[in-house]
Protein backbone atom coordinates (compact mmCIF):
# COMPACT_ATOMS: atom_id res chain seq x y z
CA CYS A 1 125.56 229.10 83.09
CA LEU A 2 123.60 228.57 79.84
CA GLU A 3 126.06 225.92 78.68
CA LEU A 4 125.73 224.03 81.98
CA TYR A 5 121.94 224.15 81.78
CA GLU A 6 122.01 222.82 78.22
CA MET A 7 124.35 220.00 79.23
CA SER A 8 121.99 219.05 82.04
CA VAL A 9 119.07 219.10 79.57
CA ILE A 10 120.92 216.78 77.16
CA SER A 11 121.83 214.42 80.00
CA GLY A 12 118.27 214.32 81.30
CA TYR A 13 116.88 213.82 77.81
CA MET A 14 119.14 210.84 77.18
CA ASP A 15 118.02 209.31 80.49
CA GLY A 16 114.34 209.91 79.74
CA ASP A 17 113.78 212.29 82.66
CA VAL A 18 111.01 214.20 80.89
CA GLU A 19 109.82 216.26 83.85
CA ALA A 20 113.30 217.54 84.75
CA VAL A 21 114.16 218.30 81.11
CA SER A 22 110.95 220.26 80.66
CA LYS A 23 111.64 222.39 83.74
CA ARG A 24 115.24 223.12 82.71
CA LEU A 25 114.18 224.04 79.17
CA ASN A 26 111.62 226.48 80.56
CA VAL A 27 114.33 228.18 82.60
CA ILE A 28 116.57 228.55 79.54
CA LEU A 29 113.84 229.73 77.18
CA THR A 30 112.57 232.24 79.73
CA ASN A 31 115.94 233.81 80.49
CA ALA A 32 118.11 233.44 77.37
CA SER A 33 117.83 235.47 74.18
CA PHE A 34 116.19 233.92 71.11
CA ASP A 35 119.50 233.33 69.30
CA ASP A 36 121.33 232.08 72.41
CA ALA A 37 118.58 229.53 73.08
CA LEU A 38 118.52 227.94 69.58
CA ASN A 39 120.05 224.66 70.74
CA SER A 40 117.49 224.51 73.53
CA ARG A 41 114.72 225.10 71.00
CA VAL A 42 115.94 222.06 69.06
CA LEU A 43 115.82 220.01 72.25
CA GLN A 44 112.36 221.34 73.06
CA ALA A 45 111.05 220.17 69.67
CA LYS A 46 112.63 216.74 70.16
CA LEU A 47 111.16 216.46 73.65
CA LEU A 48 107.69 217.30 72.36
CA ALA A 49 108.06 214.74 69.57
CA SER A 50 109.20 212.05 71.99
CA GLN A 51 105.95 212.58 73.88
CA GLN A 52 103.80 212.40 70.72
CA GLN A 53 103.16 216.16 70.60
CA TYR A 54 104.15 216.40 66.94
CA SER A 55 101.76 219.17 65.94
CA VAL A 56 103.09 221.45 68.69
CA ALA A 57 106.69 220.62 67.76
CA VAL A 58 106.08 221.33 64.06
CA LYS A 59 104.33 224.62 64.83
CA GLY A 60 107.28 225.73 66.96
CA VAL A 61 109.89 224.86 64.34
CA LEU A 62 107.90 226.60 61.59
CA ALA A 63 107.85 229.75 63.73
CA ILE A 64 111.63 229.60 64.16
CA LEU A 65 112.14 229.13 60.41
CA SER A 66 109.87 232.10 59.77
CA TYR A 67 112.17 234.17 62.02
CA PHE A 68 115.05 233.18 59.72
CA GLY A 69 113.09 234.10 56.59
CA GLU A 70 112.05 230.60 55.51
CA GLU A 71 108.27 230.47 55.09
CA PHE A 72 106.26 227.31 54.41
CA PRO A 73 102.53 226.98 53.73
CA LYS A 74 100.28 225.97 56.61
CA LYS A 75 98.49 223.61 54.23
CA SER A 76 99.78 222.04 51.04
CA SER A 77 98.36 219.68 48.43
CA LEU A 78 99.73 216.98 46.16
CA ALA A 79 99.52 219.49 43.32
CA ASP A 80 101.79 221.89 45.28
CA VAL A 81 104.23 219.09 45.92
CA THR A 82 104.31 217.97 42.29
CA SER A 83 104.85 221.53 41.11
CA GLU A 84 107.71 222.07 43.56
CA ILE A 85 109.47 218.84 42.56
CA ASN A 86 109.05 219.48 38.84
CA ALA A 87 110.56 222.93 39.26
CA ALA A 88 113.51 221.43 41.16
CA LEU A 89 114.22 218.53 38.78
CA PRO A 90 116.63 220.40 36.42
CA MET A 91 118.72 221.40 39.43
CA LEU A 92 118.55 217.92 41.00
CA LYS A 93 119.61 216.04 37.87
CA GLY A 94 122.88 217.94 37.85
CA VAL A 95 123.82 217.04 41.43
CA THR A 96 126.83 214.71 41.78
CA LYS A 97 129.20 213.87 44.61
CA GLU A 98 131.91 215.95 42.94
CA LYS A 99 129.59 218.94 42.68
CA ILE A 100 128.53 218.65 46.31
CA LEU A 101 132.10 218.35 47.59
CA SER A 102 133.28 221.24 45.40
CA LEU A 103 130.73 223.63 46.88
CA LYS A 104 132.06 226.41 49.07
CA PRO A 105 131.31 226.04 52.79
CA MET A 106 128.07 227.70 53.89
CA THR A 107 129.03 230.66 56.08
CA ASN A 108 125.82 232.71 56.40
CA LYS A 109 124.77 232.12 60.01
CA ARG A 110 121.06 232.62 59.33
CA LYS A 111 121.16 230.11 56.47
CA LEU A 112 123.09 227.61 58.61
CA ASN A 113 120.43 227.88 61.28
CA SER A 114 117.74 227.53 58.62
CA MET A 115 119.32 224.29 57.39
CA LYS A 116 119.52 222.98 60.96
CA PHE A 117 115.85 223.62 61.68
CA MET A 118 114.70 222.41 58.26
CA ALA A 119 116.52 219.12 58.90
CA LEU A 120 114.62 218.90 62.19
CA LEU A 121 111.30 219.92 60.60
CA VAL A 122 111.46 217.37 57.82
CA THR A 123 111.94 214.59 60.38
CA LEU A 124 108.97 215.76 62.45
CA CYS A 125 106.78 215.97 59.35
CA PHE A 126 107.05 212.24 58.77
CA TYR A 127 104.74 211.90 61.75
CA HIS A 128 102.49 214.91 61.36
CA ASP A 129 102.34 216.39 57.83
CA THR A 130 104.11 214.35 55.15
CA LEU A 131 103.21 216.80 52.38
CA LEU A 132 105.63 219.30 53.94
CA VAL A 133 108.52 216.83 53.52
CA PRO A 134 109.01 217.43 49.75
CA LEU A 135 108.73 221.20 50.14
CA VAL A 136 111.35 221.31 52.89
CA ALA A 137 113.69 218.86 51.13
CA CYS A 138 113.61 220.91 47.92
CA ARG A 139 114.32 224.08 49.90
CA MET A 140 117.31 222.41 51.59
CA MET A 141 118.78 221.38 48.24
CA LYS A 142 118.20 224.84 46.76
CA LEU A 143 119.85 226.50 49.74
CA THR A 144 122.82 224.12 49.50
CA ILE A 145 123.41 224.87 45.80
CA GLU A 146 123.05 228.62 46.32
CA GLU A 147 124.76 229.12 49.70
CA GLY A 148 127.19 226.21 49.99
CA TYR A 149 127.81 222.90 51.77
CA CYS A 150 127.11 222.42 55.48
CA ASP A 151 126.59 219.64 58.06
CA ASP A 152 122.90 219.38 57.16
CA THR A 153 123.48 218.96 53.42
CA ILE A 154 123.76 215.17 53.80
CA PRO A 155 120.36 214.86 55.56
CA GLY A 156 119.01 217.06 52.75
CA LEU A 157 120.29 214.54 50.19
CA ALA A 158 118.69 211.67 52.12
CA HIS A 159 115.32 213.38 52.32
CA MET A 160 115.51 214.27 48.64
CA SER A 161 116.03 210.59 47.84
CA TYR A 162 112.87 209.75 49.79
CA VAL A 163 110.88 212.53 48.12
CA LEU A 164 111.86 211.47 44.61
CA LEU A 165 110.90 207.89 45.39
CA GLN A 166 107.53 208.79 46.86
CA TYR A 167 106.34 211.71 44.80
CA SER A 168 108.03 211.58 41.39
CA ASP A 169 108.30 207.79 40.91
CA ASP A 170 111.79 208.44 39.55
CA VAL A 171 113.41 205.48 41.29
CA GLU A 172 116.64 205.85 39.33
CA LEU A 173 117.16 209.44 40.49
CA ALA A 174 116.03 208.49 44.01
CA GLY A 175 118.60 205.69 44.06
CA HIS A 176 121.24 208.14 42.81
CA PHE A 177 120.55 210.52 45.70
CA GLY A 178 120.55 207.60 48.15
CA ARG A 179 123.97 206.46 46.94
CA LEU A 180 125.17 210.07 46.93
CA CYS A 181 124.14 210.42 50.56
CA GLU A 182 125.87 207.15 51.44
CA ASN A 183 129.10 208.19 49.69
CA CYS A 184 129.13 211.59 51.38
CA MET A 185 128.73 209.94 54.81
CA ILE A 186 131.78 207.69 54.42
CA GLY A 187 134.70 209.22 56.25
CA ASN A 188 132.66 212.17 57.48
CA PRO A 189 133.67 213.16 61.05
CA GLN A 190 130.00 212.76 62.03
CA GLU A 191 129.50 209.47 60.19
CA HIS A 192 128.02 207.59 63.16
CA SER A 193 125.64 210.41 63.97
CA LEU A 194 124.54 210.71 60.34
CA ARG A 195 123.97 206.97 59.95
CA ALA A 196 121.85 206.99 63.06
CA ARG A 197 119.78 209.95 61.89
CA LEU A 198 119.21 208.70 58.37
CA THR A 199 118.45 205.01 58.92
CA GLN A 200 114.73 205.27 58.29
CA LEU A 201 115.26 207.14 55.02
CA HIS A 202 118.08 204.87 53.88
CA CYS A 203 116.00 201.75 54.48
CA THR A 204 113.03 203.35 52.74
CA VAL A 205 114.90 203.49 49.43
CA LYS A 206 116.41 200.05 50.03
CA TYR A 207 112.88 198.60 50.34
CA PHE A 208 112.40 199.43 46.67
CA VAL A 209 115.76 198.96 44.98
CA GLU A 210 117.49 196.26 47.07
CA PRO A 211 116.34 192.97 48.65
CA PHE A 212 114.04 193.87 51.55
CA GLN A 213 115.92 191.60 53.95
CA THR A 214 119.17 193.60 53.63
CA SER A 215 117.61 196.45 55.61
CA ALA A 216 117.94 194.35 58.79
CA ALA A 217 121.73 194.74 58.78
CA THR A 218 121.36 198.46 57.96
CA ALA A 219 119.08 198.94 60.97
CA GLN A 220 121.40 196.99 63.27
CA ASN A 221 124.43 199.03 62.14
CA ALA A 222 122.45 202.23 62.63
CA TYR A 223 121.54 201.18 66.17
CA ASN A 224 125.25 200.65 66.95
CA SER A 225 126.14 204.01 65.40
CA ALA A 226 123.41 205.74 67.41
CA ARG A 227 124.69 204.24 70.65
CA ILE A 228 128.23 205.37 69.82
CA ALA A 229 126.96 208.88 69.03
CA GLY A 230 124.79 208.98 72.17
CA ASP A 231 121.68 209.44 70.02
CA VAL A 232 118.91 207.76 72.00
CA ASP A 233 116.10 208.89 69.66
CA ASN A 234 117.57 207.27 66.58
CA ALA A 235 118.77 204.21 68.49
CA MET A 236 115.14 203.56 69.39
CA LEU A 237 113.96 204.34 65.86
CA SER A 238 116.49 201.82 64.48
CA LEU A 239 114.84 199.15 66.62
CA VAL A 240 111.50 199.94 64.97
CA VAL A 241 113.05 199.57 61.50
CA TYR A 242 114.70 196.30 62.57
CA THR A 243 111.31 195.04 63.75
CA ILE A 244 109.57 195.97 60.49
CA VAL A 245 112.10 194.13 58.35
CA HIS A 246 111.93 190.99 60.49
CA ILE A 247 108.17 190.78 60.78
CA PHE A 248 107.68 191.06 57.02
CA SER A 249 110.55 188.97 55.70
CA ILE A 250 112.64 186.98 58.20
CA PRO A 251 111.40 183.58 59.49
CA ASP A 252 111.92 183.86 63.24
CA LEU A 253 108.82 185.27 64.88
CA ALA A 254 109.53 183.59 68.22
CA GLY A 255 113.02 185.11 68.36
CA LEU A 256 111.69 188.50 67.28
CA HIS A 257 108.99 188.33 69.98
CA LYS A 258 111.64 187.94 72.68
CA LYS A 259 113.78 190.73 71.26
CA MET A 260 110.81 193.07 71.05
CA ILE A 261 110.16 192.69 74.77
CA GLY A 262 113.64 194.11 75.29
CA PHE A 263 112.98 196.86 72.74
CA LEU A 264 109.79 197.89 74.51
CA TYR A 265 111.60 198.00 77.84
CA GLN A 266 114.34 200.28 76.40
CA MET A 267 111.80 202.64 74.84
CA ALA A 268 109.77 202.84 78.05
CA LYS A 269 112.89 203.42 80.12
CA HIS A 270 113.91 206.38 77.96
CA GLU A 271 110.29 207.60 77.74
CA ARG A 272 110.28 207.60 73.92
CA ILE A 273 106.50 207.30 73.80
CA GLY A 274 106.11 207.68 70.03
CA VAL A 275 108.38 204.79 69.02
CA LEU A 276 107.12 202.76 72.00
CA ILE A 277 103.52 202.84 70.78
CA ASN A 278 104.63 202.23 67.18
CA THR A 279 106.46 199.12 68.31
CA MET A 280 103.42 197.94 70.28
CA ALA A 281 101.49 197.76 66.99
CA TYR A 282 104.08 195.33 65.58
CA PHE A 283 104.31 193.42 68.85
CA ASN A 284 100.56 192.84 68.79
CA THR A 285 100.84 191.42 65.27
CA VAL A 286 103.62 189.03 66.23
CA THR A 287 101.61 187.95 69.26
CA ALA A 288 98.53 187.31 67.10
CA LEU A 289 100.54 185.12 64.72
CA ILE A 290 102.39 183.05 67.30
CA GLY A 291 99.39 182.82 69.65
CA ASN A 292 101.11 184.10 72.78
CA VAL A 293 98.48 186.35 74.32
CA ASP A 294 99.88 186.82 77.82
CA SER A 295 102.48 189.42 76.70
CA CYS A 296 105.23 187.13 78.00
CA GLY A 297 105.60 188.80 81.37
CA ILE A 298 105.96 192.36 80.05
CA ASP A 299 106.17 194.81 82.94
CA PRO A 300 102.70 196.36 83.41
CA SER A 301 104.34 199.76 83.80
CA ILE A 302 105.08 199.71 80.06
CA GLY A 303 101.35 200.08 79.49
CA MET A 304 100.73 197.79 76.52
CA LYS A 305 98.03 198.98 74.12
CA THR A 306 95.71 197.03 71.84
CA HIS A 307 95.37 197.88 68.16
CA ILE A 308 92.06 199.62 68.93
CA GLU A 309 93.73 201.79 71.58
CA ILE A 310 96.61 202.59 69.22
CA PHE A 311 94.14 203.69 66.53
CA GLN A 312 92.58 206.03 69.08
CA ILE A 313 95.97 207.44 70.10
CA ALA A 314 96.97 208.00 66.46
CA GLU A 315 93.77 209.93 65.77
CA TYR A 316 93.91 211.95 69.00
CA THR A 317 97.55 212.97 68.49
CA GLN A 318 97.15 213.43 64.70
CA ASN A 319 100.12 211.10 64.25
CA SER A 320 99.71 210.05 60.61
CA LEU A 321 102.72 207.71 60.71
CA LEU A 322 101.34 205.82 63.71
CA LEU A 323 97.97 205.57 61.96
CA HIS A 324 99.73 204.13 58.92
CA HIS A 325 101.66 201.57 60.99
CA VAL A 326 98.72 200.33 63.03
CA THR A 327 96.56 200.12 59.89
CA ILE A 328 99.15 198.03 58.04
CA ASN A 329 99.53 195.78 61.08
CA GLN A 330 95.80 195.17 61.46
CA MET A 331 95.52 194.48 57.72
CA TYR A 332 98.44 192.05 58.06
CA VAL A 333 96.65 190.07 60.78
CA ASP A 334 93.32 190.18 58.93
CA CYS A 335 94.91 188.99 55.69
CA TYR A 336 96.67 185.99 57.23
CA PHE A 337 93.61 184.99 59.23
CA ARG A 338 91.35 185.58 56.21
CA ASP A 339 89.14 188.15 57.87
CA TYR A 340 88.69 189.84 54.52
CA LEU A 341 85.62 191.93 55.22
CA SER A 342 87.29 193.50 58.26
CA LEU A 343 90.43 194.14 56.17
CA ALA A 344 88.52 195.74 53.31
CA THR A 345 86.47 197.92 55.67
CA LEU A 346 89.62 199.15 57.41
CA ALA A 347 91.33 199.86 54.08
CA GLU A 348 88.41 202.01 52.92
CA LYS A 349 88.33 203.88 56.23
CA TYR A 350 92.08 204.55 56.09
CA ARG A 351 91.91 205.89 52.53
CA MET A 352 89.09 208.22 53.55
CA LYS A 353 91.19 209.61 56.40
CA THR A 354 94.42 210.23 54.50
CA GLN A 355 95.70 210.71 50.98
CA LYS A 356 99.29 210.90 52.18
CA LYS A 357 101.78 208.55 50.58
CA ARG A 358 103.86 206.15 52.65
CA VAL A 359 106.59 203.74 51.62
CA MET A 360 104.86 200.71 53.13
CA ASP A 361 101.79 201.39 50.99
CA PHE A 362 102.80 198.47 48.78
CA TYR A 363 101.74 196.14 51.60
CA PHE A 364 98.46 198.06 51.81
CA VAL A 365 97.99 197.35 48.08
CA PHE A 366 98.93 193.68 48.48
CA PHE A 367 96.67 192.92 51.45
CA GLN A 368 93.75 194.93 50.10
CA GLY A 369 94.06 193.23 46.71
CA ILE A 370 93.98 189.71 48.17
CA ALA A 371 90.96 190.57 50.30
CA ALA A 372 89.08 192.38 47.54
CA MET A 373 89.34 189.53 45.04
CA CYS A 374 88.21 186.93 47.54
CA LEU A 375 85.26 189.16 48.45
CA ALA A 376 84.49 189.68 44.77
CA ARG A 377 84.26 185.92 44.22
CA ASP A 378 82.06 185.54 47.25
CA THR A 379 79.74 188.54 46.87
CA LYS A 380 79.85 189.13 43.08
CA GLN A 381 80.10 192.87 43.82
CA ASN A 382 81.95 194.74 41.09
CA LYS A 383 83.54 197.26 43.50
CA TRP A 384 85.75 194.53 44.96
CA LYS A 385 86.84 193.39 41.50
CA GLU A 386 87.80 196.97 40.59
CA ILE A 387 89.95 197.24 43.72
CA GLY A 388 91.58 193.90 42.89
CA GLU A 389 92.33 194.97 39.32
CA LYS A 390 93.82 198.24 40.57
CA SER A 391 96.08 196.35 42.99
CA VAL A 392 97.44 194.24 40.11
CA THR A 393 98.15 197.39 38.08
CA THR A 394 99.94 199.07 40.99
CA MET A 395 102.02 195.99 41.80
CA THR A 396 102.97 195.66 38.11
CA GLN A 397 104.40 199.18 38.27
CA LEU A 398 106.30 198.34 41.45
CA LEU A 399 107.85 195.31 39.75
CA ASN A 400 109.81 197.74 37.55
CA HIS A 401 111.63 198.86 40.69
CA SER A 402 112.50 195.47 42.19
CA THR A 403 111.87 191.94 40.96
CA TRP A 404 113.15 190.59 44.27
CA ASN A 405 110.65 192.44 46.46
CA PHE A 406 107.54 192.53 44.30
CA GLU A 407 107.49 189.62 41.84
CA ASN A 408 105.91 187.02 44.13
CA LYS A 409 103.31 189.54 45.33
CA LEU A 410 102.32 190.36 41.75
CA PHE A 411 102.09 186.67 40.79
CA LEU A 412 99.81 185.97 43.77
CA LEU A 413 97.54 188.92 42.96
CA GLN A 414 97.42 187.78 39.33
CA ALA A 415 96.50 184.27 40.47
CA GLU A 416 93.59 185.62 42.50
CA LEU A 417 92.43 187.83 39.61
CA ASN A 418 92.66 184.96 37.11
CA TYR A 419 90.64 182.79 39.49
CA LEU A 420 88.07 185.56 39.84
CA ASN A 421 87.78 185.82 36.04
CA GLY A 422 87.36 182.07 35.64
CA ARG A 423 90.77 181.53 34.02
CA ILE A 424 91.48 178.40 35.99
CA ALA A 425 94.58 177.17 34.13
CA MET A 426 96.18 180.63 34.22
CA ALA A 427 95.32 180.97 37.90
CA GLU A 428 97.00 177.65 38.74
CA SER A 429 100.11 178.67 36.81
CA SER A 430 100.24 182.03 38.63
CA TYR A 431 99.85 180.41 42.07
CA LYS A 432 102.78 178.11 41.33
CA ALA A 433 104.89 181.02 40.08
CA ALA A 434 104.09 183.05 43.21
CA ILE A 435 105.17 180.19 45.49
CA VAL A 436 108.45 179.63 43.62
CA SER A 437 109.24 183.36 43.53
CA ALA A 438 108.54 183.82 47.25
CA HIS A 439 110.82 180.86 48.02
CA ASP A 440 113.62 182.09 45.75
CA HIS A 441 113.46 185.60 47.20
CA ARG A 442 113.28 184.37 50.80
CA PHE A 443 109.83 185.65 51.72
CA ASN A 444 108.97 182.59 53.79
CA ASN A 445 105.73 184.07 55.12
CA GLU A 446 104.49 184.93 51.63
CA GLU A 447 105.48 181.49 50.37
CA ALA A 448 103.24 180.04 53.08
CA LEU A 449 100.43 182.41 52.12
CA GLY A 450 100.79 181.41 48.48
CA LEU A 451 100.65 177.71 49.36
CA GLU A 452 97.56 178.28 51.48
CA LEU A 453 95.67 180.22 48.81
CA TYR A 454 96.71 177.70 46.16
CA GLY A 455 95.46 174.87 48.37
CA ILE A 456 92.11 176.60 48.86
CA PHE A 457 91.88 177.20 45.11
CA LEU A 458 92.42 173.49 44.42
CA VAL A 459 89.88 172.40 47.03
CA GLU A 460 87.29 174.81 45.66
CA ASN A 461 87.89 173.42 42.17
CA ASN A 462 87.30 169.80 43.24
CA LYS A 463 90.96 168.84 43.50
CA VAL A 464 90.68 168.10 47.19
CA VAL A 465 93.59 165.69 47.57
CA GLN A 466 96.03 168.02 45.82
CA GLY A 467 94.61 170.96 47.80
CA LEU A 468 95.19 169.19 51.09
CA GLN A 469 98.80 168.56 50.09
CA GLN A 470 99.35 172.29 49.49
CA LEU A 471 97.65 173.19 52.76
CA GLU A 472 99.92 170.76 54.63
CA LYS A 473 102.93 172.46 53.01
CA ALA A 474 101.54 175.85 54.00
CA ARG A 475 101.15 174.68 57.58
CA GLU A 476 104.77 173.54 57.70
CA GLU A 477 105.98 176.85 56.26
CA TYR A 478 103.96 178.80 58.81
CA LYS A 479 105.62 176.74 61.55
CA VAL A 480 109.06 177.51 60.08
CA TRP A 481 108.13 181.19 60.10
CA GLY A 482 107.12 180.86 63.75
CA ALA A 483 103.42 181.64 63.21
CA ILE A 484 102.22 178.76 65.39
CA LYS A 485 98.67 180.05 65.89
CA LYS A 486 98.29 180.50 62.16
CA ALA A 487 99.67 177.00 61.54
CA ASP A 488 97.15 175.61 64.02
CA ALA A 489 94.35 177.44 62.17
CA VAL A 490 95.40 175.80 58.91
CA LEU A 491 95.38 172.41 60.64
CA GLU A 492 91.82 173.06 61.83
CA PHE A 493 90.84 173.88 58.25
CA ILE A 494 92.49 170.68 56.97
CA ASP A 495 90.57 168.66 59.57
CA LEU A 496 87.35 170.40 58.51
CA ILE A 497 87.95 169.41 54.89
CA LYS A 498 88.65 165.81 55.84
CA ARG A 499 85.49 165.62 57.94
CA THR A 500 83.50 167.11 55.11
CA MET A 501 84.83 164.50 52.69
CA CYS A 502 83.18 161.93 54.93
CA HIS A 503 79.86 163.77 54.84
CA ARG A 504 79.18 164.48 51.19
CA ASP A 505 75.69 165.66 51.91
CA CYS A 506 77.02 168.87 53.54
CA ASN A 507 76.32 172.11 51.71
CA HIS A 508 79.38 173.01 49.59
CA ASN A 509 79.00 176.76 49.94
CA THR A 510 78.82 176.55 53.73
CA ILE A 511 82.21 174.86 53.84
CA TRP A 512 84.17 176.79 51.23
CA GLY A 513 82.65 180.27 51.50
CA HIS A 514 85.38 182.91 51.79
CA THR A 515 83.93 185.34 54.30
CA GLN A 516 82.89 182.53 56.64
CA MET A 517 86.45 181.26 56.95
CA THR A 518 87.93 183.71 59.44
CA TRP A 519 90.43 182.14 61.82
CA ARG A 520 91.31 183.50 65.24
């Protein structure tokens, strides 16, 4: 009877029948013993997460782990995390594929259950409490070395790769664990299921050590694996990863816009509310760039949300990952439409709300740096210059991880800083280097941004004809990218410059001032 109930729960969960699944789970959890209902407790946590109830899901899983003797702190700090990782490093540096495969099988039932629920907990913590991720990942690796290999060892390796990347800055060791995880998956009887579960983590490391664009194929393969494995949650999550890679690096916004309508429909159909709202944040950004504001006939039942509404949802549900995504998206729009004061204000507010580290923080650094240095030139306030200088320092460190992904961003930040410091020749050289690097590394959108900022720099330094040429190139690149509304905004700016050239008596500062030039 229990097995039939659990099968009906799984079936309902895959179909997105939340109400029926909730009722069936209540029957099981009310009538079955604690140990007999463990699989149902996993499903209960996943159901809660799918409905954005991450704090409740995490609390429940922590209670289960406590039952199995695995205690974790209710609150942790960066100092706790650093201490835990440093203590684990000697053990981690000795981990190889051969050592993992030579481990005895884990047979202790309580430890096997602990590994299962820790693998679940660490996934939930990406949304609710990221500082628990390193603590849980280290515990999983310690348990594997001490007790033996099990099905959840491979997810433990993947999470350890993420932790090392984020909290130790040891990219080499992080890459080693990423490759180790990949090698252990090949030929595993659960390979499709594992690839589906670990896509987000795998792409996270790839963002730093491999060309950003390659993650698109990884996400697509993970989606296929998830469908084969019947894993709806990770199929939907793979679509989010696919969207992120495309919006930041692949020049086809119009095509992505159409695909995302289908993604939103799938997520709504299966009632995966968390990934649905995450994807809305990216959809709103694409819409802002291409200028299609009618949502292209999206079914009203999907319940599209604005960025403001998504911010409110993130804060109400304490979903730190959603807050991160919507913040990055709003900064993205503000940066490309040169609404620098709004961008800088949002960045300060976000940093006040969270000190948690996220992989996409390098875009936070990039956008905030561009905005801060333009504001510093315009307002002469030293606080903006300090933020700009810090962004250059951070991006210089990131360049050690990947020339492909970070070189053009660093060159553009350096160009803005050189301009701010009055080093005009060095600024011009850096702008040109940023444009070439973005082109060579296939960041079409950032090539367009570089051309635009270079054009503005030339105009502001009385090289109007040359500046107009760069702005025309920027406009064409924005069109190639598919950002039609942005391209139209650049055309309006070009026309403004041409009109001004015919009216030399106009006030120069009124035309070229940075904060005045916000395009919507």
